[in-house]
C-alpha atoms as a PDB file:
ATOM      1  CA  MET A   1      10.832 -52.169 -65.412  1.00  0.00           C
ATOM      2  CA  ILE A   2      11.845 -48.790 -66.584  1.00  0.00           C
ATOM      3  CA  ILE A   3      11.457 -49.511 -70.739  1.00  0.00           C
ATOM      4  CA  VAL A   4       8.080 -50.255 -69.991  1.00  0.00           C
ATOM      5  CA  MET A   5       6.902 -47.222 -67.508  1.00  0.00           C
ATOM      6  CA  LEU A   6       8.599 -45.459 -70.395  1.00  0.00           C
ATOM      7  CA  THR A   7       6.620 -46.806 -73.244  1.00  0.00           C
ATOM      8  CA  LEU A   8       3.639 -46.174 -70.844  1.00  0.00           C
ATOM      9  CA  THR A   9       4.063 -42.567 -70.110  1.00  0.00           C
ATOM     10  CA  VAL A  10       4.811 -42.405 -74.565  1.00  0.00           C
ATOM     11  CA  ASN A  11       1.350 -43.708 -74.937  1.00  0.00           C
ATOM     12  CA  LEU A  12      -0.297 -41.635 -72.693  1.00  0.00           C
ATOM     13  CA  ASN A  13       1.348 -38.569 -73.757  1.00  0.00           C
ATOM     14  CA  ASN A  14       0.357 -39.724 -77.233  1.00  0.00           C
ATOM     15  CA  ALA A  15      -3.494 -40.070 -76.407  1.00  0.00           C
ATOM     16  CA  LEU A  16      -3.604 -37.050 -74.611  1.00  0.00           C
ATOM     17  CA  TYR A  17      -2.113 -35.057 -77.806  1.00  0.00           C
ATOM     18  CA  VAL A  18      -4.992 -36.571 -80.171  1.00  0.00           C
ATOM     19  CA  ARG A  19      -8.065 -36.012 -77.399  1.00  0.00           C
ATOM     20  CA  THR A  20      -7.004 -32.932 -76.880  1.00  0.00           C
ATOM     21  CA  ASN A  21      -6.938 -32.529 -80.337  1.00  0.00           C
ATOM     22  CA  HIS A  22      -9.915 -33.391 -80.850  1.00  0.00           C
ATOM     23  CA  ALA A  23     -11.392 -31.578 -78.291  1.00  0.00           C
ATOM     24  CA  ASN A  24     -10.056 -28.304 -79.433  1.00  0.00           C
ATOM     25  CA  THR A  25     -11.461 -29.516 -83.346  1.00  0.00           C
ATOM     26  CA  LYS A  26     -14.967 -29.958 -81.979  1.00  0.00           C
ATOM     27  CA  ALA A  27     -14.997 -26.514 -79.857  1.00  0.00           C
ATOM     28  CA  HIS A  28     -13.736 -24.675 -83.444  1.00  0.00           C
ATOM     29  CA  VAL A  29     -16.496 -26.763 -85.610  1.00  0.00           C
ATOM     30  CA  GLN A  30     -19.026 -25.857 -82.859  1.00  0.00           C
ATOM     31  CA  ILE A  31     -17.965 -22.179 -82.569  1.00  0.00           C
ATOM     32  CA  VAL A  32     -18.113 -21.808 -87.023  1.00  0.00           C
ATOM     33  CA  ALA A  33     -21.849 -23.976 -86.488  1.00  0.00           C
ATOM     34  CA  ASP A  34     -23.192 -21.203 -84.050  1.00  0.00           C
ATOM     35  CA  MET A  35     -21.551 -18.411 -86.120  1.00  0.00           C
ATOM     36  CA  LEU A  36     -23.493 -19.683 -89.209  1.00  0.00           C
ATOM     37  CA  TYR A  37     -26.775 -20.661 -87.538  1.00  0.00           C
ATOM     38  CA  ASN A  38     -26.597 -17.364 -86.090  1.00  0.00           C
ATOM     39  CA  ASP A  39     -26.388 -15.508 -89.533  1.00  0.00           C
ATOM     40  CA  LEU A  40     -28.787 -18.038 -90.710  1.00  0.00           C
ATOM     41  CA  THR A  41     -31.428 -17.604 -88.564  1.00  0.00           C
ATOM     42  CA  GLN A  42     -31.318 -13.801 -89.745  1.00  0.00           C
ATOM     43  CA  ALA A  43     -32.194 -14.709 -93.480  1.00  0.00           C
ATOM     44  CA  GLY A  44     -34.823 -12.712 -95.095  1.00  0.00           C
ATOM     45  CA  TYR A  45     -34.883 -10.511 -91.705  1.00  0.00           C
ATOM     46  CA  ARG A  46     -35.701  -6.850 -92.968  1.00  0.00           C
ATOM     47  CA  ALA A  47     -34.812  -7.834 -96.499  1.00  0.00           C
ATOM     48  CA  THR A  48     -35.934  -7.456-100.316  1.00  0.00           C
ATOM     49  CA  ARG A  49     -36.611 -10.611-102.437  1.00  0.00           C
ATOM     50  CA  PRO A  50     -34.754 -12.685-103.755  1.00  0.00           C
ATOM     51  CA  VAL A  51     -32.805 -13.238 -99.727  1.00  0.00           C
ATOM     52  CA  PHE A  52     -30.630 -15.761-101.334  1.00  0.00           C
ATOM     53  CA  THR A  53     -28.423 -14.361-104.132  1.00  0.00           C
ATOM     54  CA  ILE A  54     -25.908 -17.965-104.086  1.00  0.00           C
ATOM     55  CA  LEU A  55     -26.861 -21.097-103.583  1.00  0.00           C
ATOM     56  CA  CYS A  56     -23.934 -23.474-104.185  1.00  0.00           C
ATOM     57  CA  SER A  57     -23.023 -26.730-102.252  1.00  0.00           C
ATOM     58  CA  ASN A  58     -19.970 -24.983-100.858  1.00  0.00           C
ATOM     59  CA  ASP A  59     -21.507 -20.982-101.296  1.00  0.00           C
ATOM     60  CA  ILE A  60     -24.190 -19.207 -99.668  1.00  0.00           C
ATOM     61  CA  GLU A  61     -24.988 -15.706 -99.600  1.00  0.00           C
ATOM     62  CA  PHE A  62     -27.986 -13.868 -98.619  1.00  0.00           C
ATOM     63  CA  LYS A  63     -29.834 -10.815 -96.748  1.00  0.00           C
ATOM     64  CA  GLY A  64     -31.010 -10.129 -93.742  1.00  0.00           C
ATOM     65  CA  ASP A  65     -30.077  -7.931 -90.690  1.00  0.00           C
ATOM     66  CA  ILE A  66     -28.125  -9.756 -88.341  1.00  0.00           C
ATOM     67  CA  ASP A  67     -26.848  -7.134 -86.303  1.00  0.00           C
ATOM     68  CA  ASN A  68     -30.270  -5.628 -86.003  1.00  0.00           C
ATOM     69  CA  ASN A  69     -29.465  -1.752 -86.825  1.00  0.00           C
ATOM     70  CA  GLY A  70     -32.810  -1.674 -89.352  1.00  0.00           C
ATOM     71  CA  LEU A  71     -30.657  -2.178 -92.110  1.00  0.00           C
ATOM     72  CA  ALA A  72     -30.479  -5.688 -94.116  1.00  0.00           C
ATOM     73  CA  ASP A  73     -26.667  -6.826 -94.890  1.00  0.00           C
ATOM     74  CA  THR A  74     -25.450  -9.087 -97.271  1.00  0.00           C
ATOM     75  CA  ILE A  75     -23.457 -12.148 -95.840  1.00  0.00           C
ATOM     76  CA  ARG A  76     -21.741 -14.201 -97.850  1.00  0.00           C
ATOM     77  CA  TYR A  77     -19.438 -17.266 -96.639  1.00  0.00           C
ATOM     78  CA  TYR A  78     -17.298 -19.528 -99.176  1.00  0.00           C
ATOM     79  CA  THR A  79     -14.682 -22.027 -99.242  1.00  0.00           C
ATOM     80  CA  VAL A  80     -11.782 -22.083-100.926  1.00  0.00           C
ATOM     81  CA  PRO A  81      -9.621 -25.197-101.355  1.00  0.00           C
ATOM     82  CA  ASN A  82      -6.324 -24.989 -99.673  1.00  0.00           C
ATOM     83  CA  GLY A  83      -4.467 -28.217-100.171  1.00  0.00           C
ATOM     84  CA  SER A  84      -6.609 -31.302 -99.473  1.00  0.00           C
ATOM     85  CA  SER A  85      -8.535 -29.235 -97.796  1.00  0.00           C
ATOM     86  CA  TYR A  86     -10.335 -26.132 -97.361  1.00  0.00           C
ATOM     87  CA  LYS A  87     -10.702 -22.649 -95.813  1.00  0.00           C
ATOM     88  CA  LEU A  88     -13.993 -21.033 -94.914  1.00  0.00           C
ATOM     89  CA  TYR A  89     -14.013 -17.024 -95.144  1.00  0.00           C
ATOM     90  CA  ARG A  90     -16.954 -14.735 -94.268  1.00  0.00           C
ATOM     91  CA  LYS A  91     -17.743 -11.375 -95.983  1.00  0.00           C
ATOM     92  CA  VAL A  92     -20.414  -8.919 -94.864  1.00  0.00           C
ATOM     93  CA  ASN A  93     -21.714  -6.198 -97.190  1.00  0.00           C
ATOM     94  CA  GLY A  94     -18.698  -6.536 -99.166  1.00  0.00           C
ATOM     95  CA  GLY A  95     -16.461  -5.657 -96.888  1.00  0.00           C
ATOM     96  CA  THR A  96     -13.003  -7.369 -95.462  1.00  0.00           C
ATOM     97  CA  VAL A  97     -12.985 -10.990 -96.128  1.00  0.00           C
ATOM     98  CA  LEU A  98     -12.620 -12.841 -92.547  1.00  0.00           C
ATOM     99  CA  GLU A  99     -11.027 -16.319 -92.105  1.00  0.00           C
ATOM    100  CA  VAL A 100     -13.373 -18.388 -90.111  1.00  0.00           C
ATOM    101  CA  GLY A 101     -11.453 -21.219 -90.114  1.00  0.00           C
ATOM    102  CA  LYS A 102      -9.352 -23.854 -92.274  1.00  0.00           C
ATOM    103  CA  ASN A 103      -8.347 -27.683 -92.543  1.00  0.00           C
ATOM    104  CA  PHE A 104     -11.701 -28.129 -92.768  1.00  0.00           C
ATOM    105  CA  SER A 105     -12.605 -31.473 -95.462  1.00  0.00           C
ATOM    106  CA  SER A 106     -15.899 -30.298 -96.486  1.00  0.00           C
ATOM    107  CA  ILE A 107     -18.361 -27.843 -95.861  1.00  0.00           C
ATOM    108  CA  THR A 108     -21.576 -27.907 -97.664  1.00  0.00           C
ATOM    109  CA  PHE A 109     -25.202 -26.227 -98.088  1.00  0.00           C
ATOM    110  CA  GLN A 110     -28.167 -28.034 -98.771  1.00  0.00           C
ATOM    111  CA  TYR A 111     -31.000 -25.621 -99.468  1.00  0.00           C
ATOM    112  CA  TYR A 112     -35.124 -27.555 -98.879  1.00  0.00           C
ATOM    113  CA  LYS A 113     -38.520 -25.767 -99.896  1.00  0.00           C
ATOM    114  CA  LEU A 114     -41.502 -25.835 -97.438  1.00  0.00           C
ATOM    115  CA  LYS A 115     -42.226 -29.891 -97.541  1.00  0.00           C
ATOM    116  CA  GLY A 116     -38.355 -30.671 -97.050  1.00  0.00           C
ATOM    117  CA  LYS A 117     -37.562 -31.160-100.861  1.00  0.00           C
ATOM    118  CA  ILE A 118     -34.382 -29.840-101.919  1.00  0.00           C
ATOM    119  CA  THR A 119     -34.246 -27.129-104.535  1.00  0.00           C
ATOM    120  CA  SER A 120     -32.156 -24.889-106.081  1.00  0.00           C
ATOM    121  CA  ASN A 121     -34.626 -21.995-106.419  1.00  0.00           C
ATOM    122  CA  PRO A 122     -34.214 -18.300-104.178  1.00  0.00           C
ATOM    123  CA  ASP A 123     -37.251 -18.042-103.854  1.00  0.00           C
ATOM    124  CA  SER A 124     -38.886 -21.021-102.426  1.00  0.00           C
ATOM    125  CA  ILE A 125     -36.209 -21.820 -99.638  1.00  0.00           C
ATOM    126  CA  LYS A 126     -37.351 -22.910 -96.431  1.00  0.00           C
ATOM    127  CA  ALA A 127     -34.550 -24.133 -94.507  1.00  0.00           C
ATOM    128  CA  VAL A 128     -31.052 -25.005 -95.190  1.00  0.00           C
ATOM    129  CA  ARG A 129     -28.509 -27.141 -94.257  1.00  0.00           C
ATOM    130  CA  LEU A 130     -25.482 -27.340 -92.861  1.00  0.00           C
ATOM    131  CA  LYS A 131     -22.377 -29.808 -92.337  1.00  0.00           C
ATOM    132  CA  VAL A 132     -19.151 -29.071 -91.416  1.00  0.00           C
ATOM    133  CA  ILE A 133     -16.547 -31.500 -91.038  1.00  0.00           C
ATOM    134  CA  LEU A 134     -12.953 -30.777 -89.689  1.00  0.00           C
ATOM    135  CA  ASN A 135      -9.895 -32.483 -89.453  1.00  0.00           C
ATOM    136  CA  VAL A 136      -8.614 -33.333 -86.242  1.00  0.00           C
ATOM    137  CA  GLU A 137      -4.318 -32.555 -86.658  1.00  0.00           C
ATOM    138  CA  GLY A 138      -2.196 -35.118 -85.617  1.00  0.00           C
ATOM    139  CA  ALA A 139      -4.730 -38.486 -85.170  1.00  0.00           C
ATOM    140  CA  THR A 140      -4.152 -41.217 -87.166  1.00  0.00           C
ATOM    141  CA  GLU A 141      -6.884 -43.769 -85.988  1.00  0.00           C
ATOM    142  CA  GLY A 142     -10.195 -42.871 -83.911  1.00  0.00           C
ATOM    143  CA  PHE A 143     -11.292 -39.646 -83.638  1.00  0.00           C
ATOM    144  CA  THR A 144     -10.247 -38.025 -87.026  1.00  0.00           C
ATOM    145  CA  THR A 145     -12.625 -35.458 -87.539  1.00  0.00           C
ATOM    146  CA  ALA A 146     -15.213 -33.428 -85.709  1.00  0.00           C
ATOM    147  CA  THR A 147     -18.831 -32.853 -87.358  1.00  0.00           C
ATOM    148  CA  SER A 148     -21.586 -30.569 -87.312  1.00  0.00           C
ATOM    149  CA  ASN A 149     -24.560 -31.223 -88.901  1.00  0.00           C
ATOM    150  CA  PHE A 150     -28.412 -29.730 -88.434  1.00  0.00           C
ATOM    151  CA  LYS A 151     -31.099 -28.080 -90.473  1.00  0.00           C
ATOM    152  CA  ILE A 152     -31.475 -24.368 -90.023  1.00  0.00           C
ATOM    153  CA  TYR A 153     -35.707 -22.721 -90.474  1.00  0.00           C
ATOM    154  CA  PRO A 154     -35.090 -18.967 -90.598  1.00  0.00           C
ATOM    155  CA  SER A 155     -38.415 -17.736 -89.408  1.00  0.00           C
ATOM    156  CA  ASN A 156     -38.183 -14.831 -91.575  1.00  0.00           C
ATOM    157  CA  LEU A 157     -38.363 -16.835 -95.873  1.00  0.00           C
END
């Protein structure tokens, strides 16, 4: 009976650990996605053309007044390999680089024209799709990743 109780306790603690890590990972993904969303919605606001200066699947740079001070800022998000995962960095106006997160299995940007076709022409971009996938630490089955996937339509493009 004692062995059964101990086994059950260990299994429940393990399940709680994995669920807690998954909840924390989901919260981290949401914070990163919110930051990217808030910045990207300001793309083109008080900015000169071209708004987008770097267009890669894992690297984006654009102009927009993200702090509403009347001047366009230059914002860059890019990933750097970190073993089998990636780190995401943010840089504003060429200043200090901020590590936004790590252990991402994937961060991708796609760029769309007005009618929904994928484009690489910075002048024709009307929407940006963002997909962020973050690995859940310690998870071996079930919820091993947390994902955020959405399309942003900046009103100033």
